[in-house]
Amino acid sequence: MAPDFHRELQALRPELVRYASYLLRAPQAAEDAVQETLLAALAAPAAFGERSSLRTWLTGILKHKCIDVVRREQRLAPAAAPDAETAAEEFEDLFDEKEHWREHPHEWASPEAALQQKQFLSALESCLSHLPRRTVQVFLLREQMGREIDEICRDLGLSAANCSVLLHRSRMALRLCLQKNWFHA
């Protein structure tokens, strides 16, 4: 195997760890997922085929490894009582008694341009870090990894209704947090 391939893998490792940490919210699980990704790449370098960038290929492998971690955690997790994520009071202050916005959210001038800025990604990561772990998992599986609701429900052992509620709450909480910490900052 070419030494260049090894060097390129090693150079991409920190970025892969950041990405996995972002998805999994557990440093050790992120390290393990990246390790499994790099081992898979080293075991089958011919599978790369240079049809995409090495980063894209490794990120694709890593996404699957992260989903495997989430599934494994779900199987091993003891059944728990409903937690704070299921409390409807979280967003009551946003709406009036007729369920209309108390204050309309501000328009986003150009979401595409904001996504390109490192400060925005830092603000987004900070906002995600304040959400409950399960809520972040649902959001990232749906919005970043493009998983379908039924797949997320199966992977996390959630009902479709609970999954939809968590997804809605994550979007609302992120919108509020980003409005406060990014768009008005």
C-alpha atoms as a PDB file:
ATOM      1  CA  MET A   1       0.000   0.000   0.000  1.00  0.00           C
ATOM      2  CA  ALA A   2       1.361   3.425  -0.922  1.00  0.00           C
ATOM      3  CA  PRO A   3       2.831   5.530   1.901  1.00  0.00           C
ATOM      4  CA  ASP A   4       1.001   8.522   0.422  1.00  0.00           C
ATOM      5  CA  PHE A   5      -2.339   6.814   1.116  1.00  0.00           C
ATOM      6  CA  HIS A   6      -1.328   6.336   4.769  1.00  0.00           C
ATOM      7  CA  ARG A   7      -0.244   9.980   5.056  1.00  0.00           C
ATOM      8  CA  GLU A   8      -3.478  11.222   3.510  1.00  0.00           C
ATOM      9  CA  LEU A   9      -5.531   9.093   5.909  1.00  0.00           C
ATOM     10  CA  GLN A  10      -3.537  10.411   8.855  1.00  0.00           C
ATOM     11  CA  ALA A  11      -3.935  14.002   7.650  1.00  0.00           C
ATOM     12  CA  LEU A  12      -7.720  13.620   7.457  1.00  0.00           C
ATOM     13  CA  ARG A  13      -8.016  11.928  10.856  1.00  0.00           C
ATOM     14  CA  PRO A  14      -8.516  15.128  12.959  1.00  0.00           C
ATOM     15  CA  GLU A  15     -11.281  16.306  10.641  1.00  0.00           C
ATOM     16  CA  LEU A  16     -12.977  12.905  10.824  1.00  0.00           C
ATOM     17  CA  VAL A  17     -12.776  12.933  14.623  1.00  0.00           C
ATOM     18  CA  ARG A  18     -14.391  16.390  14.735  1.00  0.00           C
ATOM     19  CA  TYR A  19     -17.149  15.212  12.414  1.00  0.00           C
ATOM     20  CA  ALA A  20     -17.800  12.035  14.419  1.00  0.00           C
ATOM     21  CA  SER A  21     -17.742  13.984  17.696  1.00  0.00           C
ATOM     22  CA  TYR A  22     -20.293  16.350  16.224  1.00  0.00           C
ATOM     23  CA  LEU A  23     -22.567  13.443  15.306  1.00  0.00           C
ATOM     24  CA  LEU A  24     -22.088  11.222  18.331  1.00  0.00           C
ATOM     25  CA  ARG A  25     -21.490  13.705  21.147  1.00  0.00           C
ATOM     26  CA  ALA A  26     -19.207  11.218  22.864  1.00  0.00           C
ATOM     27  CA  PRO A  27     -15.445  11.621  22.369  1.00  0.00           C
ATOM     28  CA  GLN A  28     -14.570   7.953  22.913  1.00  0.00           C
ATOM     29  CA  ALA A  29     -17.330   6.744  20.591  1.00  0.00           C
ATOM     30  CA  ALA A  30     -16.142   9.261  17.968  1.00  0.00           C
ATOM     31  CA  GLU A  31     -12.552   8.019  18.259  1.00  0.00           C
ATOM     32  CA  ASP A  32     -13.741   4.430  17.916  1.00  0.00           C
ATOM     33  CA  ALA A  33     -15.868   5.221  14.852  1.00  0.00           C
ATOM     34  CA  VAL A  34     -12.943   7.008  13.173  1.00  0.00           C
ATOM     35  CA  GLN A  35     -10.629   4.119  14.022  1.00  0.00           C
ATOM     36  CA  GLU A  36     -13.081   1.663  12.437  1.00  0.00           C
ATOM     37  CA  THR A  37     -13.358   3.942   9.397  1.00  0.00           C
ATOM     38  CA  LEU A  38      -9.598   4.111   8.904  1.00  0.00           C
ATOM     39  CA  LEU A  39      -9.253   0.352   9.395  1.00  0.00           C
ATOM     40  CA  ALA A  40     -11.955  -0.224   6.775  1.00  0.00           C
ATOM     41  CA  ALA A  41     -10.134   2.118   4.375  1.00  0.00           C
ATOM     42  CA  LEU A  42      -6.816   0.378   4.980  1.00  0.00           C
ATOM     43  CA  ALA A  43      -8.408  -3.049   4.546  1.00  0.00           C
ATOM     44  CA  ALA A  44      -9.857  -2.175   1.146  1.00  0.00           C
ATOM     45  CA  PRO A  45      -7.943   0.700  -0.464  1.00  0.00           C
ATOM     46  CA  ALA A  46      -8.972  -0.504  -3.919  1.00  0.00           C
ATOM     47  CA  ALA A  47     -12.585   0.286  -3.002  1.00  0.00           C
ATOM     48  CA  PHE A  48     -11.656   3.969  -3.061  1.00  0.00           C
ATOM     49  CA  GLY A  49     -11.238   4.033  -6.815  1.00  0.00           C
ATOM     50  CA  GLU A  50     -10.825   7.845  -6.816  1.00  0.00           C
ATOM     51  CA  ARG A  51     -14.409   8.413  -8.008  1.00  0.00           C
ATOM     52  CA  SER A  52     -14.647  11.077  -5.301  1.00  0.00           C
ATOM     53  CA  SER A  53     -12.194  12.799  -3.008  1.00  0.00           C
ATOM     54  CA  LEU A  54     -10.620  10.733  -0.258  1.00  0.00           C
ATOM     55  CA  ARG A  55     -12.346  12.986   2.296  1.00  0.00           C
ATOM     56  CA  THR A  56     -15.764  12.286   0.749  1.00  0.00           C
ATOM     57  CA  TRP A  57     -15.135   8.546   0.632  1.00  0.00           C
ATOM     58  CA  LEU A  58     -13.973   8.406   4.250  1.00  0.00           C
ATOM     59  CA  THR A  59     -16.856  10.591   5.427  1.00  0.00           C
ATOM     60  CA  GLY A  60     -19.289   8.192   3.748  1.00  0.00           C
ATOM     61  CA  ILE A  61     -17.739   5.262   5.594  1.00  0.00           C
ATOM     62  CA  LEU A  62     -17.735   7.255   8.831  1.00  0.00           C
ATOM     63  CA  LYS A  63     -21.436   8.098   8.528  1.00  0.00           C
ATOM     64  CA  HIS A  64     -22.239   4.402   8.428  1.00  0.00           C
ATOM     65  CA  LYS A  65     -19.924   3.684  11.355  1.00  0.00           C
ATOM     66  CA  CYS A  66     -21.654   6.438  13.374  1.00  0.00           C
ATOM     67  CA  ILE A  67     -25.065   4.988  12.598  1.00  0.00           C
ATOM     68  CA  ASP A  68     -23.759   1.612  13.775  1.00  0.00           C
ATOM     69  CA  VAL A  69     -22.651   3.225  17.057  1.00  0.00           C
ATOM     70  CA  VAL A  70     -26.075   4.806  17.563  1.00  0.00           C
ATOM     71  CA  ARG A  71     -27.782   1.469  16.880  1.00  0.00           C
ATOM     72  CA  ARG A  72     -25.439  -0.346  19.246  1.00  0.00           C
ATOM     73  CA  GLU A  73     -26.050   2.221  21.993  1.00  0.00           C
ATOM     74  CA  GLN A  74     -29.781   1.910  21.510  1.00  0.00           C
ATOM     75  CA  ARG A  75     -29.671  -1.878  21.872  1.00  0.00           C
ATOM     76  CA  LEU A  76     -27.571  -1.633  25.019  1.00  0.00           C
ATOM     77  CA  ALA A  77     -29.432   1.287  26.617  1.00  0.00           C
ATOM     78  CA  PRO A  78     -31.836   0.373  29.404  1.00  0.00           C
ATOM     79  CA  ALA A  79     -35.433   1.407  28.934  1.00  0.00           C
ATOM     80  CA  ALA A  80     -35.802   4.803  30.555  1.00  0.00           C
ATOM     81  CA  ALA A  81     -38.693   6.870  31.693  1.00  0.00           C
ATOM     82  CA  PRO A  82     -39.594   9.844  29.504  1.00  0.00           C
ATOM     83  CA  ASP A  83     -37.138  12.651  30.112  1.00  0.00           C
ATOM     84  CA  ALA A  84     -37.160  16.406  29.780  1.00  0.00           C
ATOM     85  CA  GLU A  85     -37.243  16.104  25.981  1.00  0.00           C
ATOM     86  CA  THR A  86     -40.879  15.098  26.140  1.00  0.00           C
ATOM     87  CA  ALA A  87     -41.934  18.124  28.176  1.00  0.00           C
ATOM     88  CA  ALA A  88     -44.061  20.480  26.072  1.00  0.00           C
ATOM     89  CA  GLU A  89     -43.272  23.468  28.298  1.00  0.00           C
ATOM     90  CA  GLU A  90     -39.914  24.011  26.610  1.00  0.00           C
ATOM     91  CA  PHE A  91     -41.357  26.193  23.880  1.00  0.00           C
ATOM     92  CA  GLU A  92     -44.550  27.554  25.437  1.00  0.00           C
ATOM     93  CA  ASP A  93     -43.150  31.080  25.660  1.00  0.00           C
ATOM     94  CA  LEU A  94     -42.696  31.185  21.892  1.00  0.00           C
ATOM     95  CA  PHE A  95     -46.425  31.009  21.170  1.00  0.00           C
ATOM     96  CA  ASP A  96     -49.538  32.777  22.394  1.00  0.00           C
ATOM     97  CA  GLU A  97     -52.754  31.089  23.536  1.00  0.00           C
ATOM     98  CA  LYS A  98     -53.882  30.745  19.898  1.00  0.00           C
ATOM     99  CA  GLU A  99     -50.590  29.012  19.068  1.00  0.00           C
ATOM    100  CA  HIS A 100     -49.314  31.923  16.974  1.00  0.00           C
ATOM    101  CA  TRP A 101     -45.797  33.264  17.262  1.00  0.00           C
ATOM    102  CA  ARG A 102     -45.476  35.858  20.038  1.00  0.00           C
ATOM    103  CA  GLU A 103     -42.669  37.406  18.033  1.00  0.00           C
ATOM    104  CA  HIS A 104     -42.137  36.372  14.437  1.00  0.00           C
ATOM    105  CA  PRO A 105     -38.697  34.922  13.737  1.00  0.00           C
ATOM    106  CA  HIS A 106     -36.404  37.159  11.761  1.00  0.00           C
ATOM    107  CA  GLU A 107     -35.816  36.319   8.132  1.00  0.00           C
ATOM    108  CA  TRP A 108     -32.486  34.800   7.209  1.00  0.00           C
ATOM    109  CA  ALA A 109     -30.861  36.859   4.499  1.00  0.00           C
ATOM    110  CA  SER A 110     -28.845  34.081   2.902  1.00  0.00           C
ATOM    111  CA  PRO A 111     -28.632  30.703   4.667  1.00  0.00           C
ATOM    112  CA  GLU A 112     -26.265  29.350   2.006  1.00  0.00           C
ATOM    113  CA  ALA A 113     -23.750  32.123   2.627  1.00  0.00           C
ATOM    114  CA  ALA A 114     -24.014  31.702   6.404  1.00  0.00           C
ATOM    115  CA  LEU A 115     -23.294  27.985   6.160  1.00  0.00           C
ATOM    116  CA  GLN A 116     -20.002  28.761   4.483  1.00  0.00           C
ATOM    117  CA  GLN A 117     -18.776  30.804   7.405  1.00  0.00           C
ATOM    118  CA  LYS A 118     -16.779  29.128  10.136  1.00  0.00           C
ATOM    119  CA  GLN A 119     -18.317  31.382  12.769  1.00  0.00           C
ATOM    120  CA  PHE A 120     -21.781  30.156  11.838  1.00  0.00           C
ATOM    121  CA  LEU A 121     -20.712  26.536  12.100  1.00  0.00           C
ATOM    122  CA  SER A 122     -19.174  27.291  15.462  1.00  0.00           C
ATOM    123  CA  ALA A 123     -22.425  28.926  16.629  1.00  0.00           C
ATOM    124  CA  LEU A 124     -24.421  25.974  15.305  1.00  0.00           C
ATOM    125  CA  GLU A 125     -22.187  23.515  17.122  1.00  0.00           C
ATOM    126  CA  SER A 126     -22.512  25.544  20.309  1.00  0.00           C
ATOM    127  CA  CYS A 127     -26.299  25.560  19.975  1.00  0.00           C
ATOM    128  CA  LEU A 128     -26.340  21.811  19.364  1.00  0.00           C
ATOM    129  CA  SER A 129     -24.201  21.242  22.449  1.00  0.00           C
ATOM    130  CA  HIS A 130     -26.974  22.708  24.621  1.00  0.00           C
ATOM    131  CA  LEU A 131     -29.631  20.317  23.330  1.00  0.00           C
ATOM    132  CA  PRO A 132     -30.355  16.918  24.863  1.00  0.00           C
ATOM    133  CA  ARG A 133     -28.332  14.116  23.300  1.00  0.00           C
ATOM    134  CA  ARG A 134     -31.295  12.237  21.813  1.00  0.00           C
ATOM    135  CA  THR A 135     -32.650  15.440  20.245  1.00  0.00           C
ATOM    136  CA  VAL A 136     -29.271  16.123  18.614  1.00  0.00           C
ATOM    137  CA  GLN A 137     -29.065  12.548  17.334  1.00  0.00           C
ATOM    138  CA  VAL A 138     -32.488  12.791  15.695  1.00  0.00           C
ATOM    139  CA  PHE A 139     -31.658  16.180  14.163  1.00  0.00           C
ATOM    140  CA  LEU A 140     -28.267  15.118  12.792  1.00  0.00           C
ATOM    141  CA  LEU A 141     -29.507  11.785  11.470  1.00  0.00           C
ATOM    142  CA  ARG A 142     -32.307  13.558   9.595  1.00  0.00           C
ATOM    143  CA  GLU A 143     -30.785  16.856   8.522  1.00  0.00           C
ATOM    144  CA  GLN A 144     -27.115  16.063   8.106  1.00  0.00           C
ATOM    145  CA  MET A 145     -27.146  12.404   7.217  1.00  0.00           C
ATOM    146  CA  GLY A 146     -30.387  12.495   5.226  1.00  0.00           C
ATOM    147  CA  ARG A 147     -31.936   9.495   6.983  1.00  0.00           C
ATOM    148  CA  GLU A 148     -35.676   8.924   6.629  1.00  0.00           C
ATOM    149  CA  ILE A 149     -37.907   9.144   9.705  1.00  0.00           C
ATOM    150  CA  ASP A 150     -38.695   5.415   9.655  1.00  0.00           C
ATOM    151  CA  GLU A 151     -34.955   4.610   9.568  1.00  0.00           C
ATOM    152  CA  ILE A 152     -34.276   6.956  12.482  1.00  0.00           C
ATOM    153  CA  CYS A 153     -37.136   5.410  14.463  1.00  0.00           C
ATOM    154  CA  ARG A 154     -35.772   1.948  13.836  1.00  0.00           C
ATOM    155  CA  ASP A 155     -32.177   2.944  14.660  1.00  0.00           C
ATOM    156  CA  LEU A 156     -33.085   4.771  17.869  1.00  0.00           C
ATOM    157  CA  GLY A 157     -36.064   2.704  18.968  1.00  0.00           C
ATOM    158  CA  LEU A 158     -38.470   5.642  18.799  1.00  0.00           C
ATOM    159  CA  SER A 159     -42.074   5.896  17.730  1.00  0.00           C
ATOM    160  CA  ALA A 160     -42.703   8.023  14.636  1.00  0.00           C
ATOM    161  CA  ALA A 161     -44.617  10.534  16.748  1.00  0.00           C
ATOM    162  CA  ASN A 162     -41.796  10.888  19.295  1.00  0.00           C
ATOM    163  CA  CYS A 163     -39.211  11.175  16.529  1.00  0.00           C
ATOM    164  CA  SER A 164     -41.208  13.926  14.814  1.00  0.00           C
ATOM    165  CA  VAL A 165     -41.612  15.795  18.094  1.00  0.00           C
ATOM    166  CA  LEU A 166     -37.869  15.604  18.783  1.00  0.00           C
ATOM    167  CA  LEU A 167     -37.086  16.775  15.261  1.00  0.00           C
ATOM    168  CA  HIS A 168     -39.513  19.693  15.586  1.00  0.00           C
ATOM    169  CA  ARG A 169     -38.116  20.676  18.976  1.00  0.00           C
ATOM    170  CA  SER A 170     -34.556  20.512  17.731  1.00  0.00           C
ATOM    171  CA  ARG A 171     -35.371  22.792  14.813  1.00  0.00           C
ATOM    172  CA  MET A 172     -37.205  25.257  17.047  1.00  0.00           C
ATOM    173  CA  ALA A 173     -34.459  25.304  19.670  1.00  0.00           C
ATOM    174  CA  LEU A 174     -31.755  25.737  17.034  1.00  0.00           C
ATOM    175  CA  ARG A 175     -33.679  28.526  15.373  1.00  0.00           C
ATOM    176  CA  LEU A 176     -34.017  30.399  18.672  1.00  0.00           C
ATOM    177  CA  CYS A 177     -30.415  29.812  19.651  1.00  0.00           C
ATOM    178  CA  LEU A 178     -29.070  30.866  16.256  1.00  0.00           C
ATOM    179  CA  GLN A 179     -31.280  33.950  16.202  1.00  0.00           C
ATOM    180  CA  LYS A 180     -29.952  34.961  19.590  1.00  0.00           C
ATOM    181  CA  ASN A 181     -26.306  33.963  19.157  1.00  0.00           C
ATOM    182  CA  TRP A 182     -25.697  34.380  15.462  1.00  0.00           C
ATOM    183  CA  PHE A 183     -28.176  36.575  13.621  1.00  0.00           C
ATOM    184  CA  HIS A 184     -28.464  39.161  16.406  1.00  0.00           C
ATOM    185  CA  ALA A 185     -24.920  38.845  17.663  1.00  0.00           C
END
